[in-house]
């Protein structure tokens, strides 16, 4: 990791906090009804992928998450793939060819960047991430070390709570009867040092 990137990772949260405080202060309201706390737990169940096939961002730059949103729930913890099921609900082994690409540790940072590793702590990918405002789609924009986009992937979110993050993948996007649900649970596994 370059020194500039390390410095950016250290000061980005400070910049985000200062910016958020300025926005909140500028948007203050005399109406007390807006001051109620918002829960960060979102449970979403989807059965149709058609509504969530497009990207949720217009660019490839990371943006910070807003408190109380599905994105805030996703970035609140590190996630580990703990199981997978097929369209009939049968358990699929994590080393099965159909799901092994999706298995590992995921670290979604509040600044909109992510890093993923295998369960053996080998780097898998990095880049930017978003969750749609309705909590139904997660988008990953994988980038190389130079920050150039390498791929983009949207998945349907089946469940997103503080205890579980499950998304659905379709081996053939034109056949929605065959799919796999990739289940993640919070982990205390430390992100490997790069």
N, C-alpha and C. Protein backbone atom coordinates (compact mmCIF):
# COMPACT_ATOMS: atom_id res chain seq x y z
N UNK A 1 0.86 -1.17 0.00
CA UNK A 1 0.00 0.00 0.00
C UNK A 1 0.90 1.23 0.00
N UNK A 2 0.61 2.17 -0.84
CA UNK A 2 1.44 3.36 -0.93
C UNK A 2 1.25 4.23 0.30
N UNK A 3 2.27 5.07 0.56
CA UNK A 3 2.20 5.97 1.71
C UNK A 3 1.02 6.93 1.58
N UNK A 4 0.76 7.40 0.35
CA UNK A 4 -0.36 8.32 0.14
C UNK A 4 -1.68 7.65 0.48
N UNK A 5 -1.82 6.37 0.07
CA UNK A 5 -3.06 5.66 0.36
C UNK A 5 -3.23 5.41 1.85
N UNK A 6 -2.11 5.09 2.53
CA UNK A 6 -2.17 4.89 3.98
C UNK A 6 -2.61 6.17 4.67
N UNK A 7 -2.04 7.30 4.25
CA UNK A 7 -2.40 8.58 4.83
C UNK A 7 -3.86 8.90 4.56
N UNK A 8 -4.33 8.63 3.35
CA UNK A 8 -5.73 8.88 3.00
C UNK A 8 -6.66 8.06 3.87
N UNK A 9 -6.30 6.78 4.12
CA UNK A 9 -7.14 5.93 4.96
C UNK A 9 -7.20 6.44 6.40
N UNK A 10 -6.12 7.09 6.85
CA UNK A 10 -6.10 7.59 8.22
C UNK A 10 -6.90 8.88 8.37
N UNK A 11 -6.84 9.76 7.37
CA UNK A 11 -7.51 11.05 7.52
C UNK A 11 -8.92 11.07 6.94
N UNK A 12 -9.27 10.08 6.10
CA UNK A 12 -10.60 10.07 5.50
C UNK A 12 -11.71 10.08 6.54
N UNK A 13 -11.64 9.25 7.61
CA UNK A 13 -12.72 9.29 8.61
C UNK A 13 -12.87 10.66 9.28
N UNK A 14 -11.74 11.35 9.48
CA UNK A 14 -11.79 12.67 10.10
C UNK A 14 -12.49 13.66 9.16
N UNK A 15 -12.13 13.60 7.90
CA UNK A 15 -12.75 14.50 6.92
C UNK A 15 -14.24 14.21 6.82
N UNK A 16 -14.60 12.94 6.80
CA UNK A 16 -16.02 12.55 6.72
C UNK A 16 -16.77 13.06 7.94
N UNK A 17 -16.20 12.90 9.13
CA UNK A 17 -16.87 13.34 10.36
C UNK A 17 -17.06 14.85 10.37
N UNK A 18 -16.04 15.58 9.98
CA UNK A 18 -16.13 17.05 9.96
C UNK A 18 -17.17 17.49 8.94
N UNK A 19 -17.16 16.87 7.76
CA UNK A 19 -18.13 17.21 6.72
C UNK A 19 -19.55 16.89 7.19
N UNK A 20 -19.73 15.72 7.81
CA UNK A 20 -21.06 15.34 8.30
C UNK A 20 -21.55 16.32 9.36
N UNK A 21 -20.66 16.72 10.26
CA UNK A 21 -21.05 17.67 11.29
C UNK A 21 -21.46 19.00 10.67
N UNK A 22 -20.74 19.43 9.66
CA UNK A 22 -21.08 20.69 9.00
C UNK A 22 -22.43 20.59 8.30
N UNK A 23 -22.69 19.47 7.64
CA UNK A 23 -23.97 19.29 6.95
C UNK A 23 -25.11 19.25 7.94
N UNK A 24 -24.93 18.50 9.03
CA UNK A 24 -25.98 18.41 10.04
C UNK A 24 -26.25 19.79 10.64
N UNK A 25 -25.19 20.53 10.94
CA UNK A 25 -25.36 21.87 11.49
C UNK A 25 -26.06 22.80 10.54
N UNK A 26 -25.73 22.69 9.26
CA UNK A 26 -26.34 23.57 8.26
C UNK A 26 -27.78 23.21 7.98
N UNK A 27 -28.13 21.95 8.22
CA UNK A 27 -29.48 21.49 7.91
C UNK A 27 -30.34 21.38 9.16
N UNK A 28 -29.95 22.00 10.24
CA UNK A 28 -30.70 21.92 11.50
C UNK A 28 -32.14 22.33 11.32
N UNK A 29 -33.00 21.78 12.18
CA UNK A 29 -34.43 22.04 12.08
C UNK A 29 -34.99 22.32 13.46
N UNK A 30 -36.00 23.17 13.52
CA UNK A 30 -36.68 23.43 14.78
C UNK A 30 -37.72 22.36 15.07
N UNK A 31 -37.97 21.50 14.10
CA UNK A 31 -38.98 20.45 14.23
C UNK A 31 -38.37 19.24 14.93
N UNK A 32 -38.78 18.96 16.17
CA UNK A 32 -38.23 17.86 16.94
C UNK A 32 -38.56 16.50 16.36
N UNK A 33 -39.53 16.40 15.46
CA UNK A 33 -39.89 15.10 14.91
C UNK A 33 -38.78 14.51 14.07
N UNK A 34 -37.85 15.32 13.58
CA UNK A 34 -36.75 14.82 12.76
C UNK A 34 -35.58 14.33 13.59
N UNK A 35 -35.62 14.54 14.90
CA UNK A 35 -34.46 14.21 15.72
C UNK A 35 -34.51 12.79 16.28
N UNK A 36 -35.51 12.01 15.96
CA UNK A 36 -35.59 10.65 16.46
C UNK A 36 -34.49 9.80 15.84
N UNK A 37 -33.94 8.88 16.64
CA UNK A 37 -32.89 8.00 16.13
C UNK A 37 -33.46 7.05 15.10
N UNK A 38 -32.64 6.71 14.13
CA UNK A 38 -33.04 5.79 13.08
C UNK A 38 -32.31 4.48 13.29
N UNK A 39 -33.01 3.37 13.20
CA UNK A 39 -32.40 2.06 13.36
C UNK A 39 -31.50 1.76 12.17
N UNK A 40 -30.40 1.04 12.43
CA UNK A 40 -29.50 0.67 11.35
C UNK A 40 -29.74 -0.77 10.90
N UNK A 41 -30.78 -1.40 11.38
CA UNK A 41 -31.07 -2.75 10.97
C UNK A 41 -32.10 -2.74 9.85
N UNK A 42 -31.77 -3.44 8.78
CA UNK A 42 -32.65 -3.50 7.63
C UNK A 42 -32.82 -4.96 7.28
N UNK A 43 -34.03 -5.43 7.17
CA UNK A 43 -34.28 -6.79 6.71
C UNK A 43 -34.98 -6.69 5.37
N UNK A 44 -34.39 -7.30 4.37
CA UNK A 44 -34.93 -7.23 3.03
C UNK A 44 -35.07 -8.64 2.50
N UNK A 45 -36.21 -8.98 1.97
CA UNK A 45 -36.39 -10.26 1.32
C UNK A 45 -36.80 -9.98 -0.11
N UNK A 46 -36.06 -10.57 -1.04
CA UNK A 46 -36.38 -10.37 -2.44
C UNK A 46 -36.60 -11.71 -3.10
N UNK A 47 -37.46 -11.74 -4.08
CA UNK A 47 -37.68 -12.95 -4.85
C UNK A 47 -37.48 -12.71 -6.33
N UNK A 48 -37.40 -11.47 -6.74
CA UNK A 48 -37.22 -11.17 -8.15
C UNK A 48 -35.96 -10.36 -8.38
N UNK A 49 -35.06 -10.86 -9.23
CA UNK A 49 -33.83 -10.12 -9.49
C UNK A 49 -34.02 -8.99 -10.48
N UNK A 50 -35.13 -8.96 -11.18
CA UNK A 50 -35.32 -8.00 -12.26
C UNK A 50 -35.21 -6.56 -11.80
N UNK A 51 -35.64 -6.27 -10.59
CA UNK A 51 -35.65 -4.89 -10.12
C UNK A 51 -34.27 -4.42 -9.68
N UNK A 52 -33.29 -5.32 -9.61
CA UNK A 52 -32.00 -4.93 -9.05
C UNK A 52 -30.84 -5.31 -9.96
N UNK A 53 -31.00 -5.17 -11.25
CA UNK A 53 -29.94 -5.58 -12.15
C UNK A 53 -29.02 -4.45 -12.57
N UNK A 54 -29.38 -3.21 -12.31
CA UNK A 54 -28.51 -2.12 -12.75
C UNK A 54 -27.64 -1.62 -11.61
N UNK A 55 -26.56 -0.95 -11.98
CA UNK A 55 -25.65 -0.41 -10.98
C UNK A 55 -26.32 0.69 -10.19
N UNK A 56 -25.90 0.85 -8.94
CA UNK A 56 -26.52 1.86 -8.08
C UNK A 56 -25.70 3.13 -8.01
N UNK A 57 -24.60 3.18 -8.73
CA UNK A 57 -23.80 4.39 -8.73
C UNK A 57 -23.63 4.89 -10.15
N UNK A 58 -23.37 6.17 -10.28
CA UNK A 58 -23.15 6.74 -11.60
C UNK A 58 -21.68 6.82 -11.92
N UNK A 59 -20.82 6.71 -10.94
CA UNK A 59 -19.38 6.77 -11.15
C UNK A 59 -18.72 5.60 -10.48
N UNK A 60 -17.41 5.64 -10.39
CA UNK A 60 -16.70 4.56 -9.75
C UNK A 60 -15.97 5.02 -8.51
N UNK A 61 -16.24 6.21 -8.05
CA UNK A 61 -15.59 6.73 -6.86
C UNK A 61 -16.38 6.35 -5.60
N UNK A 62 -15.67 6.03 -4.55
CA UNK A 62 -16.31 5.68 -3.29
C UNK A 62 -16.93 6.92 -2.65
N UNK A 63 -18.02 6.71 -1.94
CA UNK A 63 -18.66 7.78 -1.20
C UNK A 63 -18.92 7.28 0.21
N UNK A 64 -19.06 8.18 1.16
CA UNK A 64 -19.27 7.76 2.54
C UNK A 64 -20.72 7.35 2.75
N UNK A 65 -20.92 6.44 3.71
CA UNK A 65 -22.26 5.97 4.01
C UNK A 65 -22.94 6.90 5.00
N UNK A 66 -24.26 6.93 4.94
CA UNK A 66 -25.05 7.77 5.84
C UNK A 66 -25.57 6.91 6.99
N UNK A 67 -25.55 7.42 8.21
CA UNK A 67 -26.08 6.68 9.36
C UNK A 67 -27.54 6.30 9.14
N UNK A 68 -27.92 5.13 9.64
CA UNK A 68 -29.31 4.70 9.56
C UNK A 68 -29.70 4.09 8.23
N UNK A 69 -28.76 3.89 7.34
CA UNK A 69 -29.06 3.33 6.02
C UNK A 69 -28.63 1.87 5.95
N UNK A 70 -29.11 1.14 4.94
CA UNK A 70 -28.62 -0.23 4.76
C UNK A 70 -27.10 -0.27 4.60
N UNK A 71 -26.52 0.74 3.95
CA UNK A 71 -25.06 0.78 3.79
C UNK A 71 -24.38 0.88 5.14
N UNK A 72 -24.95 1.62 6.07
CA UNK A 72 -24.37 1.73 7.41
C UNK A 72 -24.39 0.38 8.12
N UNK A 73 -25.44 -0.40 7.92
CA UNK A 73 -25.51 -1.73 8.51
C UNK A 73 -24.41 -2.61 7.95
N UNK A 74 -24.20 -2.56 6.63
CA UNK A 74 -23.17 -3.39 6.01
C UNK A 74 -21.77 -3.00 6.47
N UNK A 75 -21.52 -1.72 6.65
CA UNK A 75 -20.17 -1.28 7.02
C UNK A 75 -19.91 -1.33 8.52
N UNK A 76 -20.89 -1.70 9.31
CA UNK A 76 -20.74 -1.68 10.77
C UNK A 76 -19.87 -2.81 11.30
N UNK A 77 -19.63 -3.84 10.50
CA UNK A 77 -18.85 -4.99 10.98
C UNK A 77 -18.11 -5.63 9.82
N UNK A 78 -17.15 -6.48 10.14
CA UNK A 78 -16.51 -7.33 9.14
C UNK A 78 -17.40 -8.56 8.97
N UNK A 79 -17.38 -9.15 7.77
CA UNK A 79 -18.26 -10.29 7.48
C UNK A 79 -17.45 -11.50 7.03
N UNK A 80 -17.93 -12.68 7.44
CA UNK A 80 -17.32 -13.94 7.02
C UNK A 80 -18.39 -14.79 6.36
N UNK A 81 -18.05 -15.41 5.23
CA UNK A 81 -18.98 -16.34 4.59
C UNK A 81 -19.06 -17.58 5.48
N UNK A 82 -20.28 -17.91 5.91
CA UNK A 82 -20.43 -19.04 6.83
C UNK A 82 -21.26 -20.17 6.26
N UNK A 83 -22.03 -19.90 5.19
CA UNK A 83 -22.79 -20.98 4.54
C UNK A 83 -23.32 -20.50 3.20
N UNK A 84 -23.85 -21.46 2.46
CA UNK A 84 -24.48 -21.16 1.17
C UNK A 84 -25.59 -22.17 0.96
N UNK A 85 -26.65 -21.75 0.26
CA UNK A 85 -27.75 -22.64 -0.06
C UNK A 85 -28.12 -22.47 -1.53
N UNK A 86 -28.75 -23.51 -2.09
CA UNK A 86 -29.20 -23.41 -3.47
C UNK A 86 -30.67 -23.00 -3.52
N UNK A 87 -31.24 -22.97 -4.72
CA UNK A 87 -32.61 -22.50 -4.90
C UNK A 87 -33.64 -23.36 -4.16
N UNK A 88 -33.31 -24.60 -3.87
CA UNK A 88 -34.23 -25.46 -3.13
C UNK A 88 -34.01 -25.38 -1.63
N UNK A 89 -33.02 -24.59 -1.20
CA UNK A 89 -32.74 -24.45 0.22
C UNK A 89 -31.72 -25.44 0.75
N UNK A 90 -31.19 -26.30 -0.13
CA UNK A 90 -30.19 -27.28 0.29
C UNK A 90 -28.85 -26.59 0.55
N UNK A 91 -28.15 -27.06 1.57
CA UNK A 91 -26.85 -26.51 1.90
C UNK A 91 -25.84 -26.89 0.82
N UNK A 92 -25.02 -25.92 0.43
CA UNK A 92 -23.97 -26.12 -0.56
C UNK A 92 -22.64 -25.92 0.16
N UNK A 93 -21.73 -26.87 0.01
CA UNK A 93 -20.42 -26.77 0.65
C UNK A 93 -19.69 -25.53 0.14
N UNK A 94 -18.98 -24.86 1.04
CA UNK A 94 -18.30 -23.62 0.67
C UNK A 94 -17.16 -23.84 -0.32
N UNK A 95 -16.69 -25.07 -0.46
CA UNK A 95 -15.65 -25.35 -1.46
C UNK A 95 -16.24 -25.88 -2.77
N UNK A 96 -17.56 -25.86 -2.90
CA UNK A 96 -18.23 -26.26 -4.14
C UNK A 96 -17.90 -25.24 -5.24
N UNK A 97 -17.65 -25.72 -6.44
CA UNK A 97 -17.32 -24.83 -7.56
C UNK A 97 -18.34 -23.72 -7.77
N UNK A 98 -19.60 -23.99 -7.47
CA UNK A 98 -20.66 -23.01 -7.71
C UNK A 98 -20.59 -21.80 -6.78
N UNK A 99 -19.97 -21.95 -5.60
CA UNK A 99 -19.96 -20.85 -4.63
C UNK A 99 -18.58 -20.45 -4.12
N UNK A 100 -17.56 -21.23 -4.38
CA UNK A 100 -16.25 -20.96 -3.76
C UNK A 100 -15.69 -19.58 -4.09
N UNK A 101 -16.04 -19.01 -5.22
CA UNK A 101 -15.59 -17.66 -5.59
C UNK A 101 -16.11 -16.58 -4.64
N UNK A 102 -17.20 -16.85 -3.95
CA UNK A 102 -17.86 -15.86 -3.10
C UNK A 102 -17.49 -16.01 -1.62
N UNK A 103 -16.63 -16.96 -1.31
CA UNK A 103 -16.32 -17.30 0.07
C UNK A 103 -15.11 -16.51 0.57
N UNK A 104 -15.22 -15.98 1.78
CA UNK A 104 -14.09 -15.29 2.38
C UNK A 104 -14.50 -14.29 3.42
N UNK A 105 -13.59 -13.35 3.69
CA UNK A 105 -13.83 -12.25 4.62
C UNK A 105 -14.03 -10.98 3.81
N UNK A 106 -14.99 -10.16 4.23
CA UNK A 106 -15.25 -8.89 3.54
C UNK A 106 -15.24 -7.76 4.55
N UNK A 107 -14.56 -6.69 4.16
CA UNK A 107 -14.43 -5.50 5.00
C UNK A 107 -14.95 -4.30 4.20
N UNK A 108 -16.16 -3.84 4.55
CA UNK A 108 -16.80 -2.71 3.87
C UNK A 108 -16.55 -1.47 4.72
N UNK A 109 -15.73 -0.58 4.24
CA UNK A 109 -15.37 0.61 5.01
C UNK A 109 -16.45 1.69 4.84
N UNK A 110 -16.67 2.52 5.88
CA UNK A 110 -17.67 3.59 5.80
C UNK A 110 -17.39 4.62 4.71
N UNK A 111 -16.14 4.66 4.21
CA UNK A 111 -15.82 5.61 3.14
C UNK A 111 -16.21 5.08 1.76
N UNK A 112 -16.84 3.88 1.70
CA UNK A 112 -17.28 3.33 0.43
C UNK A 112 -16.25 2.46 -0.27
N UNK A 113 -15.16 2.12 0.41
CA UNK A 113 -14.17 1.21 -0.17
C UNK A 113 -14.30 -0.14 0.52
N UNK A 114 -13.80 -1.18 -0.15
CA UNK A 114 -13.85 -2.51 0.43
C UNK A 114 -12.57 -3.27 0.11
N UNK A 115 -12.30 -4.29 0.92
CA UNK A 115 -11.27 -5.28 0.63
C UNK A 115 -11.84 -6.64 1.00
N UNK A 116 -11.48 -7.64 0.22
CA UNK A 116 -11.94 -9.00 0.47
C UNK A 116 -10.75 -9.94 0.42
N UNK A 117 -10.83 -10.98 1.27
CA UNK A 117 -9.77 -11.96 1.39
C UNK A 117 -10.39 -13.35 1.41
N UNK A 118 -9.61 -14.35 1.02
CA UNK A 118 -10.04 -15.73 1.18
C UNK A 118 -10.05 -16.07 2.66
N UNK A 119 -10.57 -17.22 3.01
CA UNK A 119 -10.55 -17.65 4.41
C UNK A 119 -9.14 -17.94 4.89
N UNK A 120 -8.19 -18.02 3.96
CA UNK A 120 -6.77 -18.20 4.29
C UNK A 120 -6.03 -16.86 4.30
N UNK A 121 -6.76 -15.75 4.25
CA UNK A 121 -6.22 -14.39 4.29
C UNK A 121 -5.44 -13.98 3.04
N UNK A 122 -5.70 -14.64 1.93
CA UNK A 122 -5.11 -14.23 0.65
C UNK A 122 -6.00 -13.14 0.05
N UNK A 123 -5.42 -12.03 -0.43
CA UNK A 123 -6.25 -10.97 -1.02
C UNK A 123 -7.06 -11.48 -2.22
N UNK A 124 -8.34 -11.09 -2.27
CA UNK A 124 -9.21 -11.46 -3.39
C UNK A 124 -9.47 -10.27 -4.29
N UNK A 125 -9.94 -9.16 -3.71
CA UNK A 125 -10.23 -7.97 -4.49
C UNK A 125 -10.39 -6.77 -3.58
N UNK A 126 -10.37 -5.61 -4.22
CA UNK A 126 -10.54 -4.34 -3.50
C UNK A 126 -11.24 -3.38 -4.45
N UNK A 127 -11.76 -2.31 -3.89
CA UNK A 127 -12.39 -1.30 -4.73
C UNK A 127 -13.43 -0.50 -3.97
N UNK A 128 -14.53 -0.19 -4.67
CA UNK A 128 -15.61 0.61 -4.11
C UNK A 128 -16.88 -0.23 -4.00
N UNK A 129 -17.73 0.13 -3.06
CA UNK A 129 -18.99 -0.58 -2.88
C UNK A 129 -20.10 0.41 -2.59
N UNK A 130 -21.32 0.01 -2.91
CA UNK A 130 -22.52 0.75 -2.53
C UNK A 130 -23.64 -0.23 -2.26
N UNK A 131 -24.63 0.23 -1.51
CA UNK A 131 -25.89 -0.49 -1.32
C UNK A 131 -26.98 0.48 -1.73
N UNK A 132 -27.94 0.00 -2.51
CA UNK A 132 -29.03 0.87 -2.93
C UNK A 132 -29.78 1.39 -1.71
N UNK A 133 -30.41 2.54 -1.85
CA UNK A 133 -31.12 3.15 -0.71
C UNK A 133 -32.19 2.24 -0.14
N UNK A 134 -32.83 1.42 -1.00
CA UNK A 134 -33.87 0.51 -0.52
C UNK A 134 -33.29 -0.77 0.09
N UNK A 135 -31.97 -0.92 0.06
CA UNK A 135 -31.33 -2.09 0.67
C UNK A 135 -31.48 -3.36 -0.12
N UNK A 136 -31.82 -3.28 -1.41
CA UNK A 136 -32.05 -4.49 -2.20
C UNK A 136 -30.89 -4.91 -3.08
N UNK A 137 -29.91 -4.03 -3.29
CA UNK A 137 -28.80 -4.35 -4.19
C UNK A 137 -27.48 -3.88 -3.60
N UNK A 138 -26.48 -4.76 -3.71
CA UNK A 138 -25.11 -4.36 -3.37
C UNK A 138 -24.31 -4.34 -4.68
N UNK A 139 -23.56 -3.27 -4.88
CA UNK A 139 -22.71 -3.14 -6.06
C UNK A 139 -21.26 -3.09 -5.63
N UNK A 140 -20.42 -3.89 -6.29
CA UNK A 140 -18.98 -3.84 -6.09
C UNK A 140 -18.33 -3.36 -7.38
N UNK A 141 -17.40 -2.45 -7.25
CA UNK A 141 -16.56 -2.02 -8.36
C UNK A 141 -15.14 -2.41 -7.97
N UNK A 142 -14.66 -3.53 -8.54
CA UNK A 142 -13.31 -4.00 -8.23
C UNK A 142 -12.29 -3.15 -8.99
N UNK A 143 -11.22 -2.77 -8.28
CA UNK A 143 -10.19 -1.93 -8.87
C UNK A 143 -8.81 -2.52 -8.63
N UNK A 144 -7.90 -2.23 -9.55
CA UNK A 144 -6.52 -2.67 -9.36
C UNK A 144 -5.80 -1.68 -8.44
N UNK A 145 -4.53 -1.92 -8.18
CA UNK A 145 -3.78 -1.05 -7.27
C UNK A 145 -3.66 0.38 -7.77
N UNK A 146 -3.80 0.58 -9.09
CA UNK A 146 -3.73 1.93 -9.67
C UNK A 146 -5.09 2.64 -9.61
N UNK A 147 -6.11 1.95 -9.09
CA UNK A 147 -7.43 2.56 -8.98
C UNK A 147 -8.27 2.45 -10.22
N UNK A 148 -7.85 1.63 -11.18
CA UNK A 148 -8.60 1.46 -12.42
C UNK A 148 -9.64 0.36 -12.27
N UNK A 149 -10.85 0.62 -12.75
CA UNK A 149 -11.93 -0.36 -12.64
C UNK A 149 -11.60 -1.62 -13.43
N UNK A 150 -11.74 -2.76 -12.77
CA UNK A 150 -11.49 -4.05 -13.39
C UNK A 150 -12.79 -4.81 -13.67
N UNK A 151 -13.77 -4.65 -12.80
CA UNK A 151 -15.06 -5.32 -12.99
C UNK A 151 -16.10 -4.65 -12.10
N UNK A 152 -17.35 -4.93 -12.41
CA UNK A 152 -18.47 -4.41 -11.64
C UNK A 152 -19.47 -5.55 -11.46
N UNK A 153 -19.98 -5.70 -10.24
CA UNK A 153 -20.94 -6.78 -9.99
C UNK A 153 -22.04 -6.29 -9.06
N UNK A 154 -23.28 -6.52 -9.49
CA UNK A 154 -24.45 -6.23 -8.68
C UNK A 154 -25.03 -7.56 -8.20
N UNK A 155 -25.46 -7.61 -6.95
CA UNK A 155 -26.15 -8.80 -6.43
C UNK A 155 -27.40 -8.37 -5.68
N UNK A 156 -28.38 -9.24 -5.69
CA UNK A 156 -29.60 -9.03 -4.91
C UNK A 156 -29.29 -9.31 -3.44
N UNK A 157 -29.73 -8.42 -2.56
CA UNK A 157 -29.60 -8.66 -1.13
C UNK A 157 -30.87 -9.38 -0.66
N UNK A 158 -30.68 -10.52 -0.04
CA UNK A 158 -31.79 -11.30 0.50
C UNK A 158 -32.07 -10.89 1.94
N UNK A 159 -30.99 -10.75 2.73
CA UNK A 159 -31.10 -10.34 4.13
C UNK A 159 -29.94 -9.42 4.47
N UNK A 160 -30.25 -8.33 5.15
CA UNK A 160 -29.20 -7.44 5.65
C UNK A 160 -29.64 -6.93 7.02
N UNK A 161 -29.09 -7.54 8.04
CA UNK A 161 -29.33 -7.13 9.43
C UNK A 161 -27.98 -7.04 10.12
N UNK A 162 -27.98 -6.70 11.37
CA UNK A 162 -26.72 -6.66 12.12
C UNK A 162 -26.17 -8.06 12.34
N UNK A 163 -27.00 -9.10 12.20
CA UNK A 163 -26.58 -10.48 12.44
C UNK A 163 -26.33 -11.29 11.16
N UNK A 164 -26.81 -10.81 10.02
CA UNK A 164 -26.67 -11.60 8.79
C UNK A 164 -26.69 -10.71 7.55
N UNK A 165 -25.83 -11.06 6.61
CA UNK A 165 -25.80 -10.45 5.29
C UNK A 165 -25.80 -11.58 4.27
N UNK A 166 -26.91 -11.72 3.56
CA UNK A 166 -27.04 -12.76 2.55
C UNK A 166 -27.37 -12.13 1.22
N UNK A 167 -26.62 -12.52 0.20
CA UNK A 167 -26.93 -12.06 -1.15
C UNK A 167 -27.10 -13.25 -2.07
N UNK A 168 -27.76 -13.01 -3.20
CA UNK A 168 -28.10 -14.06 -4.16
C UNK A 168 -27.31 -13.88 -5.45
N UNK A 169 -26.76 -14.98 -5.94
CA UNK A 169 -26.04 -14.96 -7.21
C UNK A 169 -26.71 -15.94 -8.17
N UNK A 170 -26.71 -15.58 -9.45
CA UNK A 170 -27.29 -16.38 -10.51
C UNK A 170 -26.18 -16.80 -11.47
N UNK A 171 -25.91 -18.11 -11.60
CA UNK A 171 -24.88 -18.54 -12.55
C UNK A 171 -25.20 -18.07 -13.97
N UNK A 172 -26.47 -18.08 -14.33
CA UNK A 172 -26.92 -17.59 -15.64
C UNK A 172 -27.97 -16.51 -15.37
N UNK A 173 -27.63 -15.25 -15.61
CA UNK A 173 -28.57 -14.16 -15.31
C UNK A 173 -29.92 -14.28 -16.02
N UNK A 174 -29.98 -15.06 -17.09
CA UNK A 174 -31.23 -15.23 -17.83
C UNK A 174 -32.11 -16.34 -17.24
N UNK A 175 -31.57 -17.11 -16.30
CA UNK A 175 -32.32 -18.19 -15.66
C UNK A 175 -32.38 -17.94 -14.16
N UNK A 176 -33.46 -17.31 -13.71
CA UNK A 176 -33.57 -16.96 -12.29
C UNK A 176 -34.08 -18.10 -11.43
N UNK A 177 -34.28 -19.29 -12.02
CA UNK A 177 -34.71 -20.43 -11.22
C UNK A 177 -33.52 -21.13 -10.57
N UNK A 178 -32.31 -20.86 -11.07
CA UNK A 178 -31.10 -21.45 -10.50
C UNK A 178 -30.30 -20.32 -9.85
N UNK A 179 -30.12 -20.44 -8.53
CA UNK A 179 -29.36 -19.42 -7.82
C UNK A 179 -28.75 -20.00 -6.55
N UNK A 180 -27.84 -19.22 -5.97
CA UNK A 180 -27.21 -19.58 -4.70
C UNK A 180 -27.28 -18.38 -3.77
N UNK A 181 -27.65 -18.62 -2.54
CA UNK A 181 -27.65 -17.58 -1.52
C UNK A 181 -26.37 -17.74 -0.71
N UNK A 182 -25.58 -16.67 -0.66
CA UNK A 182 -24.29 -16.68 0.03
C UNK A 182 -24.49 -15.96 1.37
N UNK A 183 -24.34 -16.70 2.45
CA UNK A 183 -24.65 -16.22 3.80
C UNK A 183 -23.38 -15.79 4.53
N UNK A 184 -23.42 -14.58 5.09
CA UNK A 184 -22.30 -14.04 5.85
C UNK A 184 -22.80 -13.67 7.24
N UNK A 185 -21.92 -13.84 8.22
CA UNK A 185 -22.22 -13.42 9.58
C UNK A 185 -21.06 -12.55 10.08
N UNK A 186 -21.32 -11.72 11.08
CA UNK A 186 -20.26 -10.86 11.60
C UNK A 186 -19.08 -11.69 12.11
N UNK A 187 -17.90 -11.12 11.97
CA UNK A 187 -16.70 -11.79 12.46
C UNK A 187 -15.79 -10.78 13.16
N UNK A 188 -15.00 -11.30 14.08
CA UNK A 188 -14.00 -10.46 14.72
C UNK A 188 -12.63 -10.68 14.09
N UNK A 189 -12.59 -11.43 13.00
CA UNK A 189 -11.34 -11.70 12.29
C UNK A 189 -10.73 -10.38 11.84
N UNK A 190 -9.50 -10.17 12.22
CA UNK A 190 -8.82 -8.93 11.86
C UNK A 190 -8.45 -8.90 10.39
N UNK A 191 -8.66 -7.73 9.78
CA UNK A 191 -8.29 -7.57 8.38
C UNK A 191 -6.79 -7.75 8.24
N UNK A 192 -6.36 -8.61 7.31
CA UNK A 192 -4.91 -8.82 7.13
C UNK A 192 -4.20 -7.53 6.73
N UNK A 193 -2.97 -7.38 7.16
CA UNK A 193 -2.17 -6.22 6.75
C UNK A 193 -1.67 -6.45 5.33
N UNK A 194 -1.76 -5.41 4.53
CA UNK A 194 -1.32 -5.57 3.13
C UNK A 194 0.16 -5.35 2.99
